[in-house]
């Protein structure tokens, strides 16, 4: 399967005023044909076992959902709220089956494989980007800025800087990091809602698309 880019989605939900290893994980992979990129955000498909055990990436997996619920008395008080993952995305690494993430986190990982005989621009690193709308929106058209959602990254057994950095969402397409050719990279994302805006009650949603592409 030859792939030039792959995209996965993440659904952000803010429920407001509703009732009450030795270093960060990066590893080299064997260069082989065909040239491909693989990205998993939350859930995903790896056929025939783990990638390091000979598995083959597939297409699919549920859209990961992260959500925060803010009680009426706490709306807009500036105390951030930890976001959870109600649809329980997979937490195990597709690289080797290790329990890399913990409950409430979203696994993001994959690889860029350049292919034997690749040269020139094919050896350039693949780019991991996300595309986000400006706001989360409820059924009445009221909004929360996407910048109210941030994340940190970690991984069980890691003690160094993560290959996928933490940050705060902003509107449009934004680059997160690069995947050098013939490397596997993975991190676990923990999301928070800043809760700095006094907004009307409701369920606010936005979908963010993560894309790994090699130019």
N, C-alpha and C. Protein backbone atom coordinates (compact mmCIF):
# COMPACT_ATOMS: atom_id res chain seq x y z
N UNK A 1 0.84 -1.18 0.00
CA UNK A 1 0.00 0.00 0.00
C UNK A 1 0.88 1.23 0.00
N UNK A 2 0.78 2.04 -1.03
CA UNK A 2 1.57 3.27 -1.12
C UNK A 2 0.70 4.42 -0.64
N UNK A 3 1.23 5.16 0.30
CA UNK A 3 0.45 6.24 0.90
C UNK A 3 1.30 7.49 0.94
N UNK A 4 0.75 8.62 0.53
CA UNK A 4 1.51 9.87 0.58
C UNK A 4 1.16 10.70 1.81
N UNK A 5 -0.04 10.52 2.32
CA UNK A 5 -0.40 11.20 3.56
C UNK A 5 -1.56 10.46 4.21
N UNK A 6 -1.73 10.68 5.50
CA UNK A 6 -2.83 10.05 6.22
C UNK A 6 -3.34 11.01 7.26
N UNK A 7 -4.64 10.98 7.51
CA UNK A 7 -5.27 11.93 8.42
C UNK A 7 -6.18 11.20 9.39
N UNK A 8 -6.21 11.67 10.63
CA UNK A 8 -7.09 11.13 11.65
C UNK A 8 -7.74 12.30 12.39
N UNK A 9 -8.92 12.03 12.96
CA UNK A 9 -9.71 13.09 13.58
C UNK A 9 -9.77 12.94 15.10
N UNK A 10 -9.98 14.06 15.77
CA UNK A 10 -10.15 14.11 17.21
C UNK A 10 -11.32 15.03 17.50
N UNK A 11 -12.32 14.53 18.22
CA UNK A 11 -13.50 15.34 18.55
C UNK A 11 -13.33 15.92 19.94
N UNK A 12 -13.42 17.27 20.02
CA UNK A 12 -13.31 17.96 21.30
C UNK A 12 -14.71 18.35 21.77
N UNK A 13 -15.03 18.07 23.02
CA UNK A 13 -16.35 18.37 23.57
C UNK A 13 -16.18 19.07 24.91
N UNK A 14 -16.81 20.23 25.08
CA UNK A 14 -16.84 20.92 26.38
C UNK A 14 -18.28 20.94 26.84
N UNK A 15 -18.56 20.25 27.93
CA UNK A 15 -19.90 20.20 28.50
C UNK A 15 -19.96 21.24 29.61
N UNK A 16 -20.67 22.32 29.37
CA UNK A 16 -20.66 23.44 30.29
C UNK A 16 -22.01 23.56 31.00
N UNK A 17 -21.94 23.65 32.32
CA UNK A 17 -23.13 23.85 33.15
C UNK A 17 -24.12 22.72 33.03
N UNK A 18 -23.61 21.50 32.93
CA UNK A 18 -24.48 20.34 32.94
C UNK A 18 -24.58 19.82 34.36
N UNK A 19 -25.56 18.99 34.65
CA UNK A 19 -25.71 18.51 36.02
C UNK A 19 -24.40 17.85 36.50
N UNK A 20 -24.66 18.24 37.97
CA UNK A 20 -23.50 17.74 38.59
C UNK A 20 -23.33 16.19 38.61
N UNK A 21 10.53 3.59 29.08
CA UNK A 21 11.75 3.30 28.34
C UNK A 21 12.82 4.27 28.73
N UNK A 22 13.81 4.53 28.49
CA UNK A 22 14.86 5.38 29.06
C UNK A 22 14.73 6.80 28.58
N UNK A 23 14.08 7.02 27.46
CA UNK A 23 13.89 8.36 26.93
C UNK A 23 12.58 8.37 26.17
N UNK A 24 12.15 9.55 25.74
CA UNK A 24 10.91 9.65 24.99
C UNK A 24 10.97 8.73 23.78
N UNK A 25 9.81 8.15 23.40
CA UNK A 25 9.87 7.02 22.50
C UNK A 25 9.97 7.41 21.04
N UNK A 26 11.16 7.21 20.51
CA UNK A 26 11.46 7.33 19.09
C UNK A 26 12.37 6.16 18.74
N UNK A 27 12.07 5.49 17.62
CA UNK A 27 12.92 4.37 17.24
C UNK A 27 13.05 4.32 15.72
N UNK A 28 14.17 3.78 15.25
CA UNK A 28 14.35 3.60 13.82
C UNK A 28 13.57 2.38 13.36
N UNK A 29 13.09 2.43 12.10
CA UNK A 29 12.41 1.29 11.51
C UNK A 29 13.19 0.84 10.28
N UNK A 30 12.98 -0.42 9.89
CA UNK A 30 13.66 -0.96 8.72
C UNK A 30 13.11 -0.32 7.45
N UNK A 31 14.00 0.15 6.62
CA UNK A 31 13.59 0.74 5.35
C UNK A 31 13.19 -0.35 4.37
N UNK A 32 11.96 -0.29 3.86
CA UNK A 32 11.51 -1.28 2.88
C UNK A 32 10.42 -0.66 2.01
N UNK A 33 10.15 -1.28 0.91
CA UNK A 33 9.09 -0.83 0.03
C UNK A 33 7.75 -1.44 0.46
N UNK A 34 6.64 -0.74 0.18
CA UNK A 34 6.58 0.54 -0.52
C UNK A 34 6.77 1.71 0.44
N UNK A 35 7.03 2.87 -0.14
CA UNK A 35 7.10 4.09 0.67
C UNK A 35 5.74 4.33 1.31
N UNK A 36 5.70 4.71 2.59
CA UNK A 36 4.42 4.85 3.27
C UNK A 36 4.54 5.74 4.49
N UNK A 37 3.42 6.30 4.90
CA UNK A 37 3.28 6.94 6.20
C UNK A 37 2.10 6.28 6.90
N UNK A 38 2.19 6.22 8.23
CA UNK A 38 1.09 5.66 9.03
C UNK A 38 0.91 6.55 10.25
N UNK A 39 -0.34 6.90 10.54
CA UNK A 39 -0.64 7.74 11.70
C UNK A 39 -1.83 7.15 12.43
N UNK A 40 -1.69 7.06 13.75
CA UNK A 40 -2.80 6.65 14.61
C UNK A 40 -3.03 7.72 15.65
N UNK A 41 -4.30 8.16 15.78
CA UNK A 41 -4.72 9.11 16.82
C UNK A 41 -5.83 8.44 17.61
N UNK A 42 -5.54 8.01 18.83
CA UNK A 42 -6.53 7.27 19.61
C UNK A 42 -6.56 5.83 19.18
N UNK A 43 -7.55 5.48 18.38
CA UNK A 43 -7.69 4.12 17.89
C UNK A 43 -7.06 4.02 16.50
N UNK A 44 -6.91 2.80 16.00
CA UNK A 44 -6.33 2.59 14.69
C UNK A 44 -6.36 1.12 14.33
N UNK A 45 -5.76 0.78 13.20
CA UNK A 45 -5.78 -0.60 12.73
C UNK A 45 -4.35 -1.05 12.41
N UNK A 46 -3.94 -2.15 13.03
CA UNK A 46 -2.66 -2.77 12.72
C UNK A 46 -2.93 -4.27 12.59
N UNK A 47 -2.85 -4.77 11.37
CA UNK A 47 -3.19 -6.16 11.09
C UNK A 47 -1.99 -7.08 11.29
N UNK A 48 -2.25 -8.24 11.89
CA UNK A 48 -1.19 -9.25 12.01
C UNK A 48 -0.21 -9.00 13.13
N UNK A 49 -0.64 -8.32 14.19
CA UNK A 49 0.25 -8.07 15.32
C UNK A 49 0.84 -6.68 15.27
N UNK A 50 1.87 -6.46 16.08
CA UNK A 50 2.50 -5.15 16.15
C UNK A 50 3.38 -4.90 14.92
N UNK A 51 3.72 -3.62 14.70
CA UNK A 51 4.56 -3.30 13.55
C UNK A 51 5.94 -3.94 13.66
N UNK A 52 6.55 -3.87 14.85
CA UNK A 52 7.87 -4.46 15.03
C UNK A 52 7.82 -5.98 14.94
N UNK A 53 6.63 -6.57 15.10
CA UNK A 53 6.46 -8.01 14.98
C UNK A 53 5.98 -8.45 13.62
N UNK A 54 6.00 -7.53 12.65
CA UNK A 54 5.62 -7.89 11.29
C UNK A 54 4.21 -7.48 10.90
N UNK A 55 3.51 -6.74 11.75
CA UNK A 55 2.16 -6.30 11.44
C UNK A 55 2.13 -5.29 10.30
N UNK A 56 0.95 -5.17 9.69
CA UNK A 56 0.76 -4.27 8.57
C UNK A 56 -0.28 -3.22 8.91
N UNK A 57 0.03 -1.93 8.76
CA UNK A 57 -0.95 -0.88 9.07
C UNK A 57 -2.18 -0.99 8.18
N UNK A 58 -3.34 -0.71 8.77
CA UNK A 58 -4.59 -0.65 8.03
C UNK A 58 -5.23 0.71 8.15
N UNK A 59 -6.42 0.83 7.63
CA UNK A 59 -7.16 2.09 7.66
C UNK A 59 -8.42 1.90 8.50
N UNK A 60 -8.67 2.80 9.44
CA UNK A 60 -9.87 2.71 10.25
C UNK A 60 -9.62 3.07 11.69
N UNK A 61 -10.58 2.73 12.53
CA UNK A 61 -10.52 3.07 13.95
C UNK A 61 -11.48 4.18 14.27
N UNK A 62 -12.05 4.13 15.48
CA UNK A 62 -13.02 5.13 15.90
C UNK A 62 -12.38 6.49 16.10
N UNK A 63 -13.15 7.55 15.89
CA UNK A 63 -12.68 8.90 16.17
C UNK A 63 -12.54 9.06 17.68
N UNK A 64 -11.37 9.49 18.13
CA UNK A 64 -11.15 9.70 19.57
C UNK A 64 -11.92 10.93 20.04
N UNK A 65 -12.56 10.81 21.20
CA UNK A 65 -13.32 11.91 21.79
C UNK A 65 -12.66 12.30 23.11
N UNK A 66 -12.45 13.59 23.31
CA UNK A 66 -12.02 14.09 24.60
C UNK A 66 -13.04 15.13 25.07
N UNK A 67 -13.38 15.10 26.34
CA UNK A 67 -14.42 16.01 26.82
C UNK A 67 -14.14 16.50 28.23
N UNK A 68 -14.70 17.66 28.54
CA UNK A 68 -14.63 18.23 29.88
C UNK A 68 -16.04 18.63 30.28
N UNK A 69 -16.38 18.45 31.54
CA UNK A 69 -17.68 18.85 32.08
C UNK A 69 -17.46 19.87 33.18
N UNK A 70 -18.10 21.04 33.05
CA UNK A 70 -17.90 22.13 33.99
C UNK A 70 -19.20 22.39 34.77
N UNK A 71 -19.20 22.24 36.09
CA UNK A 71 -20.40 22.54 36.87
C UNK A 71 -20.77 24.02 36.78
N UNK A 72 -22.04 24.32 37.00
CA UNK A 72 -22.54 25.69 36.89
C UNK A 72 -21.72 26.67 37.71
N UNK A 73 -21.44 26.31 38.95
CA UNK A 73 -20.76 27.24 39.86
C UNK A 73 -19.33 27.55 39.44
N UNK A 74 -18.76 26.73 38.55
CA UNK A 74 -17.35 26.88 38.20
C UNK A 74 -17.13 27.48 36.82
N UNK A 75 -18.19 27.84 36.12
CA UNK A 75 -18.05 28.33 34.75
C UNK A 75 -17.19 29.60 34.71
N UNK A 76 -16.13 29.56 33.91
CA UNK A 76 -15.31 30.74 33.69
C UNK A 76 -14.48 31.19 34.87
N UNK A 77 -14.26 30.32 35.86
CA UNK A 77 -13.52 30.76 37.05
C UNK A 77 -12.00 30.67 36.85
N UNK A 78 -11.55 30.26 35.67
CA UNK A 78 -10.12 30.22 35.39
C UNK A 78 -9.40 28.99 35.88
N UNK A 79 -10.11 28.08 36.54
CA UNK A 79 -9.50 26.83 36.97
C UNK A 79 -9.65 25.80 35.87
N UNK A 80 -8.55 25.35 35.32
CA UNK A 80 -8.62 24.44 34.19
C UNK A 80 -9.23 23.10 34.60
N UNK A 81 -9.82 22.44 33.61
CA UNK A 81 -10.52 21.17 33.84
C UNK A 81 -9.86 20.08 33.00
N UNK A 82 -9.50 18.99 33.66
CA UNK A 82 -8.92 17.86 32.95
C UNK A 82 -9.96 17.24 32.04
N UNK A 83 -9.60 16.99 30.79
CA UNK A 83 -10.52 16.37 29.83
C UNK A 83 -10.32 14.86 29.84
N UNK A 84 -11.42 14.13 29.65
CA UNK A 84 -11.41 12.68 29.69
C UNK A 84 -11.72 12.11 28.31
N UNK A 85 -11.64 10.80 28.18
CA UNK A 85 -11.89 10.12 26.91
C UNK A 85 -13.02 9.10 27.09
N UNK A 86 -14.28 9.53 26.92
CA UNK A 86 -15.40 8.65 27.22
C UNK A 86 -15.52 7.43 26.32
N UNK A 87 -14.95 7.47 25.11
CA UNK A 87 -15.05 6.29 24.24
C UNK A 87 -13.83 5.37 24.35
N UNK A 88 -12.99 5.64 25.35
CA UNK A 88 -11.90 4.73 25.71
C UNK A 88 -11.05 4.28 24.51
N UNK A 89 -10.32 5.21 23.89
CA UNK A 89 -9.44 4.81 22.78
C UNK A 89 -8.34 3.89 23.27
N UNK A 90 -7.79 3.10 22.34
CA UNK A 90 -6.74 2.14 22.70
C UNK A 90 -5.52 2.86 23.27
N UNK A 91 -4.91 2.23 24.27
CA UNK A 91 -3.77 2.82 24.97
C UNK A 91 -2.46 2.09 24.68
N UNK A 92 -2.51 1.02 23.90
CA UNK A 92 -1.35 0.17 23.65
C UNK A 92 -0.63 0.61 22.39
N UNK A 93 0.69 0.64 22.44
CA UNK A 93 1.51 1.02 21.30
C UNK A 93 1.37 0.03 20.15
N UNK A 94 1.25 0.56 18.92
CA UNK A 94 1.26 -0.30 17.74
C UNK A 94 2.66 -0.75 17.37
N UNK A 95 3.66 -0.15 18.00
CA UNK A 95 5.04 -0.55 17.70
C UNK A 95 5.34 -1.93 18.27
N UNK A 96 5.06 -2.11 19.58
CA UNK A 96 5.45 -3.36 20.23
C UNK A 96 4.42 -3.91 21.21
N UNK A 97 3.21 -3.29 21.27
CA UNK A 97 2.18 -3.79 22.17
C UNK A 97 2.32 -3.33 23.61
N UNK A 98 3.24 -2.44 23.89
CA UNK A 98 3.47 -1.94 25.25
C UNK A 98 2.32 -1.04 25.69
N UNK A 99 1.93 -1.12 26.95
CA UNK A 99 0.88 -0.25 27.50
C UNK A 99 1.47 1.13 27.73
N UNK A 100 1.48 1.92 26.68
CA UNK A 100 2.23 3.16 26.65
C UNK A 100 1.47 4.33 27.26
N UNK A 101 0.15 4.36 27.10
CA UNK A 101 -0.66 5.46 27.61
C UNK A 101 -1.54 5.01 28.75
N UNK A 102 -2.11 5.98 29.47
CA UNK A 102 -3.00 5.71 30.60
C UNK A 102 -4.40 6.19 30.30
N UNK A 103 -5.36 5.70 31.08
CA UNK A 103 -6.76 6.08 30.90
C UNK A 103 -6.91 7.60 30.87
N UNK A 104 -7.67 8.11 29.92
CA UNK A 104 -7.88 9.54 29.78
C UNK A 104 -6.96 10.19 28.77
N UNK A 105 -5.91 9.48 28.35
CA UNK A 105 -4.97 10.01 27.37
C UNK A 105 -5.34 9.55 25.95
N UNK A 106 -4.78 10.25 24.97
CA UNK A 106 -4.97 9.88 23.57
C UNK A 106 -3.59 9.54 22.99
N UNK A 107 -3.46 8.33 22.47
CA UNK A 107 -2.22 7.89 21.84
C UNK A 107 -2.11 8.54 20.46
N UNK A 108 -0.94 9.11 20.15
CA UNK A 108 -0.64 9.60 18.81
C UNK A 108 0.70 9.02 18.40
N UNK A 109 0.73 8.28 17.31
CA UNK A 109 1.98 7.67 16.90
C UNK A 109 1.92 7.17 15.47
N UNK A 110 3.08 6.81 14.94
CA UNK A 110 3.14 6.29 13.58
C UNK A 110 4.54 6.39 13.03
N UNK A 111 4.65 6.32 11.69
CA UNK A 111 5.97 6.31 11.07
C UNK A 111 5.93 6.94 9.69
N UNK A 112 7.13 7.30 9.22
CA UNK A 112 7.38 7.61 7.81
C UNK A 112 8.46 6.67 7.33
N UNK A 113 8.12 5.87 6.32
CA UNK A 113 9.06 4.93 5.72
C UNK A 113 9.32 5.38 4.29
N UNK A 114 10.59 5.69 3.98
CA UNK A 114 10.87 6.34 2.70
C UNK A 114 10.89 5.38 1.53
N UNK A 115 11.16 4.10 1.76
CA UNK A 115 11.21 3.14 0.67
C UNK A 115 12.61 2.97 0.13
N UNK A 116 12.99 1.74 -0.19
CA UNK A 116 14.32 1.45 -0.70
C UNK A 116 14.51 2.14 -2.04
N UNK A 117 15.64 2.79 -2.18
CA UNK A 117 15.94 3.47 -3.43
C UNK A 117 15.43 4.89 -3.50
N UNK A 118 14.75 5.36 -2.45
CA UNK A 118 14.25 6.73 -2.46
C UNK A 118 15.41 7.70 -2.42
N UNK A 119 15.23 8.82 -3.07
CA UNK A 119 16.29 9.83 -3.09
C UNK A 119 15.66 11.20 -3.21
N UNK A 120 16.47 12.23 -3.08
CA UNK A 120 15.98 13.60 -3.24
C UNK A 120 14.93 13.95 -2.22
N UNK A 121 13.81 14.51 -2.70
CA UNK A 121 12.78 15.02 -1.79
C UNK A 121 12.12 13.92 -0.99
N UNK A 122 12.19 12.65 -1.47
CA UNK A 122 11.56 11.56 -0.75
C UNK A 122 12.23 11.33 0.60
N UNK A 123 13.46 11.79 0.74
CA UNK A 123 14.17 11.63 2.01
C UNK A 123 13.85 12.74 3.01
N UNK A 124 13.08 13.74 2.59
CA UNK A 124 12.70 14.79 3.51
C UNK A 124 11.79 14.22 4.60
N UNK A 125 11.81 14.83 5.78
CA UNK A 125 10.97 14.36 6.88
C UNK A 125 9.49 14.56 6.56
N UNK A 126 8.67 13.68 7.08
CA UNK A 126 7.22 13.86 7.01
C UNK A 126 6.80 14.88 8.07
N UNK A 127 5.74 15.63 7.81
CA UNK A 127 5.27 16.66 8.74
C UNK A 127 3.98 16.21 9.41
N UNK A 128 3.95 16.32 10.73
CA UNK A 128 2.72 16.08 11.49
C UNK A 128 2.07 17.43 11.76
N UNK A 129 0.87 17.64 11.23
CA UNK A 129 0.14 18.88 11.43
C UNK A 129 -1.23 18.59 12.00
N UNK A 130 -1.87 19.63 12.51
CA UNK A 130 -3.29 19.53 12.85
C UNK A 130 -4.01 20.71 12.23
N UNK A 131 -5.27 20.52 11.90
CA UNK A 131 -6.12 21.58 11.38
C UNK A 131 -7.32 21.72 12.31
N UNK A 132 -7.52 22.92 12.84
CA UNK A 132 -8.56 23.15 13.83
C UNK A 132 -9.42 24.33 13.43
N UNK A 133 -10.71 24.30 13.79
CA UNK A 133 -11.55 25.48 13.59
C UNK A 133 -11.22 26.53 14.65
N UNK A 134 -11.76 27.72 14.50
CA UNK A 134 -11.48 28.80 15.45
C UNK A 134 -12.18 28.59 16.78
N UNK A 135 -13.31 27.87 16.77
CA UNK A 135 -14.13 27.76 17.97
C UNK A 135 -14.76 26.38 18.12
N UNK A 136 -15.15 26.06 19.36
CA UNK A 136 -16.10 25.00 19.63
C UNK A 136 -17.48 25.66 19.61
N UNK A 137 -18.50 24.98 19.07
CA UNK A 137 -19.81 25.58 18.87
C UNK A 137 -20.88 24.70 19.49
N UNK A 138 -21.90 25.32 20.12
CA UNK A 138 -23.03 24.56 20.64
C UNK A 138 -24.22 24.64 19.68
N UNK A 139 -25.33 24.01 20.05
CA UNK A 139 -26.49 23.93 19.17
C UNK A 139 -27.11 25.29 18.88
N UNK A 140 -26.87 26.28 19.73
CA UNK A 140 -27.42 27.62 19.55
C UNK A 140 -26.46 28.57 18.83
N UNK A 141 -25.33 28.02 18.39
CA UNK A 141 -24.36 28.84 17.68
C UNK A 141 -23.43 29.64 18.58
N UNK A 142 -23.50 29.43 19.89
CA UNK A 142 -22.58 30.10 20.81
C UNK A 142 -21.24 29.37 20.78
N UNK A 143 -20.17 30.07 21.12
CA UNK A 143 -18.84 29.53 20.87
C UNK A 143 -17.90 29.63 22.07
N UNK A 144 -16.88 28.80 22.02
CA UNK A 144 -15.73 28.84 22.93
C UNK A 144 -14.48 28.84 22.06
N UNK A 145 -13.53 29.73 22.27
CA UNK A 145 -12.31 29.73 21.43
C UNK A 145 -11.56 28.40 21.51
N UNK A 146 -11.06 27.93 20.38
CA UNK A 146 -10.31 26.68 20.36
C UNK A 146 -9.05 26.79 21.22
N UNK A 147 -8.58 28.01 21.46
CA UNK A 147 -7.38 28.23 22.27
C UNK A 147 -7.61 27.90 23.74
N UNK A 148 -8.84 27.59 24.13
CA UNK A 148 -9.12 27.17 25.49
C UNK A 148 -8.73 25.71 25.74
N UNK A 149 -8.33 25.01 24.67
CA UNK A 149 -7.94 23.60 24.79
C UNK A 149 -6.43 23.47 24.61
N UNK A 150 -5.78 22.85 25.57
CA UNK A 150 -4.33 22.62 25.49
C UNK A 150 -4.03 21.16 25.84
N UNK A 151 -2.78 20.77 25.67
CA UNK A 151 -2.41 19.39 25.99
C UNK A 151 -0.94 19.32 26.41
N UNK A 152 -0.66 18.31 27.21
CA UNK A 152 0.70 17.93 27.56
C UNK A 152 0.95 16.53 27.03
N UNK A 153 2.21 16.12 26.93
CA UNK A 153 2.51 14.80 26.39
C UNK A 153 3.44 14.03 27.32
N UNK A 154 3.27 12.72 27.29
CA UNK A 154 4.08 11.83 28.13
C UNK A 154 4.03 10.43 27.52
N UNK A 155 4.59 9.47 28.24
CA UNK A 155 4.54 8.08 27.83
C UNK A 155 5.08 7.22 28.95
N UNK A 156 4.42 6.13 29.26
CA UNK A 156 4.90 5.25 30.32
C UNK A 156 6.30 4.74 30.01
N UNK A 157 7.20 4.92 30.98
CA UNK A 157 8.58 4.50 30.81
C UNK A 157 9.48 5.56 30.22
N UNK A 158 8.91 6.69 29.79
CA UNK A 158 9.71 7.77 29.21
C UNK A 158 10.16 8.75 30.29
N UNK A 159 11.30 9.37 30.06
CA UNK A 159 11.76 10.40 31.00
C UNK A 159 12.45 11.55 30.29
N UNK A 160 12.22 11.70 29.00
CA UNK A 160 12.83 12.78 28.24
C UNK A 160 11.79 13.60 27.51
N UNK A 161 12.26 14.56 26.73
CA UNK A 161 11.36 15.35 25.93
C UNK A 161 10.62 14.49 24.92
N UNK A 162 9.35 14.74 24.75
CA UNK A 162 8.53 13.91 23.88
C UNK A 162 8.72 14.23 22.40
N UNK A 163 8.63 13.22 21.52
CA UNK A 163 8.74 13.48 20.08
C UNK A 163 7.57 14.29 19.55
N UNK A 164 6.42 14.19 20.20
CA UNK A 164 5.27 15.03 19.85
C UNK A 164 5.08 16.01 21.00
N UNK A 165 5.31 17.30 20.78
CA UNK A 165 5.32 18.27 21.89
C UNK A 165 3.93 18.64 22.36
N UNK A 166 3.86 19.18 23.58
CA UNK A 166 2.62 19.74 24.08
C UNK A 166 2.35 21.10 23.45
N UNK A 167 1.15 21.62 23.69
CA UNK A 167 0.82 22.91 23.10
C UNK A 167 -0.61 23.32 23.37
N UNK A 168 -1.05 24.35 22.68
CA UNK A 168 -2.41 24.88 22.76
C UNK A 168 -2.95 25.00 21.35
N UNK A 169 -4.18 24.58 21.13
CA UNK A 169 -4.76 24.64 19.80
C UNK A 169 -4.92 26.08 19.32
N UNK A 170 -4.68 26.30 18.05
CA UNK A 170 -5.00 27.56 17.39
C UNK A 170 -5.65 27.24 16.06
N UNK A 171 -6.41 28.20 15.53
CA UNK A 171 -7.18 27.97 14.32
C UNK A 171 -6.29 27.77 13.10
N UNK A 172 -6.76 27.00 12.13
CA UNK A 172 -6.05 26.78 10.89
C UNK A 172 -5.17 25.55 10.95
N UNK A 173 -4.27 25.45 9.97
CA UNK A 173 -3.32 24.35 9.94
C UNK A 173 -2.04 24.74 10.65
N UNK A 174 -1.59 23.89 11.56
CA UNK A 174 -0.41 24.18 12.37
C UNK A 174 0.48 22.94 12.43
N UNK A 175 1.79 23.16 12.30
CA UNK A 175 2.72 22.04 12.37
C UNK A 175 3.06 21.72 13.81
N UNK A 176 3.00 20.42 14.14
CA UNK A 176 3.37 19.96 15.48
C UNK A 176 4.83 19.53 15.54
N UNK A 177 5.24 18.71 14.58
CA UNK A 177 6.61 18.18 14.60
C UNK A 177 6.89 17.52 13.25
N UNK A 178 8.07 16.95 13.13
CA UNK A 178 8.41 16.19 11.93
C UNK A 178 8.76 14.76 12.31
N UNK A 179 8.55 13.85 11.37
CA UNK A 179 8.96 12.45 11.50
C UNK A 179 10.09 12.23 10.49
N UNK A 180 11.36 12.21 10.91
CA UNK A 180 12.43 11.91 9.97
C UNK A 180 12.20 10.55 9.30
N UNK A 181 12.74 10.38 8.10
CA UNK A 181 12.48 9.14 7.36
C UNK A 181 12.95 7.93 8.14
N UNK A 182 12.19 6.87 8.01
CA UNK A 182 12.49 5.58 8.64
C UNK A 182 12.57 5.66 10.16
N UNK A 183 11.63 6.42 10.73
CA UNK A 183 11.50 6.46 12.20
C UNK A 183 10.05 6.27 12.61
N UNK A 184 9.89 5.68 13.78
CA UNK A 184 8.59 5.54 14.45
C UNK A 184 8.62 6.50 15.65
N UNK A 185 7.52 7.25 15.84
CA UNK A 185 7.43 8.19 16.94
C UNK A 185 6.05 8.08 17.58
N UNK A 186 5.99 8.23 18.91
CA UNK A 186 4.71 8.13 19.60
C UNK A 186 4.75 8.88 20.93
N UNK A 187 3.61 9.45 21.30
CA UNK A 187 3.43 10.14 22.57
C UNK A 187 1.98 9.97 23.01
N UNK A 188 1.72 10.22 24.29
CA UNK A 188 0.37 10.18 24.84
C UNK A 188 -0.04 11.60 25.21
N UNK A 189 -1.19 12.05 24.72
CA UNK A 189 -1.65 13.42 24.92
C UNK A 189 -2.70 13.49 26.02
N UNK A 190 -2.51 14.42 26.95
CA UNK A 190 -3.47 14.70 28.02
C UNK A 190 -4.02 16.11 27.81
N UNK A 191 -5.34 16.24 27.66
CA UNK A 191 -5.95 17.51 27.31
C UNK A 191 -6.59 18.20 28.52
N UNK A 192 -6.59 19.55 28.47
CA UNK A 192 -7.23 20.35 29.50
C UNK A 192 -8.03 21.48 28.85
N UNK A 193 -9.15 21.82 29.50
CA UNK A 193 -9.97 22.96 29.10
C UNK A 193 -9.67 24.10 30.07
N UNK A 194 -9.26 25.26 29.54
CA UNK A 194 -8.78 26.36 30.39
C UNK A 194 -9.88 26.97 31.24
N UNK A 195 -11.14 26.95 30.77
CA UNK A 195 -12.28 27.46 31.55
C UNK A 195 -12.10 28.93 31.94
N UNK A 196 -11.67 29.73 30.99
CA UNK A 196 -11.45 31.16 31.26
C UNK A 196 -12.58 32.05 30.76
N UNK A 197 -13.56 31.47 30.07
CA UNK A 197 -14.65 32.25 29.50
C UNK A 197 -15.97 31.94 30.19
N UNK A 198 -16.72 32.99 30.50
CA UNK A 198 -18.07 32.78 31.05
C UNK A 198 -19.01 32.61 29.88
N UNK A 199 -19.52 31.40 29.69
CA UNK A 199 -20.33 31.07 28.51
C UNK A 199 -21.66 30.46 28.95
N UNK A 200 -22.60 30.46 28.00
CA UNK A 200 -23.91 29.86 28.26
C UNK A 200 -23.78 28.34 28.37
N UNK A 201 -24.72 27.73 29.08
CA UNK A 201 -24.69 26.28 29.22
C UNK A 201 -24.94 25.61 27.87
N UNK A 202 -24.44 24.41 27.72
CA UNK A 202 -24.62 23.67 26.48
C UNK A 202 -23.45 22.74 26.22
N UNK A 203 -23.55 22.01 25.14
CA UNK A 203 -22.48 21.11 24.70
C UNK A 203 -21.80 21.73 23.50
N UNK A 204 -20.53 22.08 23.64
CA UNK A 204 -19.76 22.73 22.60
C UNK A 204 -18.83 21.70 21.97
N UNK A 205 -18.77 21.67 20.64
CA UNK A 205 -17.98 20.66 19.95
C UNK A 205 -17.12 21.27 18.84
N UNK A 206 -16.02 20.60 18.58
CA UNK A 206 -15.15 20.93 17.44
C UNK A 206 -14.38 19.68 17.06
N UNK A 207 -14.08 19.54 15.78
CA UNK A 207 -13.29 18.41 15.31
C UNK A 207 -11.94 18.92 14.81
N UNK A 208 -10.89 18.30 15.32
CA UNK A 208 -9.52 18.62 14.91
C UNK A 208 -8.98 17.46 14.09
N UNK A 209 -8.36 17.76 12.95
CA UNK A 209 -7.81 16.72 12.08
C UNK A 209 -6.29 16.73 12.14
N UNK A 210 -5.70 15.60 12.49
CA UNK A 210 -4.26 15.42 12.50
C UNK A 210 -3.85 14.77 11.19
N UNK A 211 -2.78 15.27 10.57
CA UNK A 211 -2.32 14.73 9.29
C UNK A 211 -0.82 14.52 9.32
N UNK A 212 -0.38 13.36 8.87
CA UNK A 212 1.04 13.08 8.69
C UNK A 212 1.27 12.95 7.19
N UNK A 213 2.11 13.79 6.61
CA UNK A 213 2.31 13.81 5.17
C UNK A 213 3.78 14.03 4.83
N UNK A 214 4.21 13.37 3.77
CA UNK A 214 5.57 13.57 3.27
C UNK A 214 5.46 14.34 1.96
N UNK A 215 6.05 15.54 1.88
CA UNK A 215 5.91 16.37 0.68
C UNK A 215 6.42 15.66 -0.59
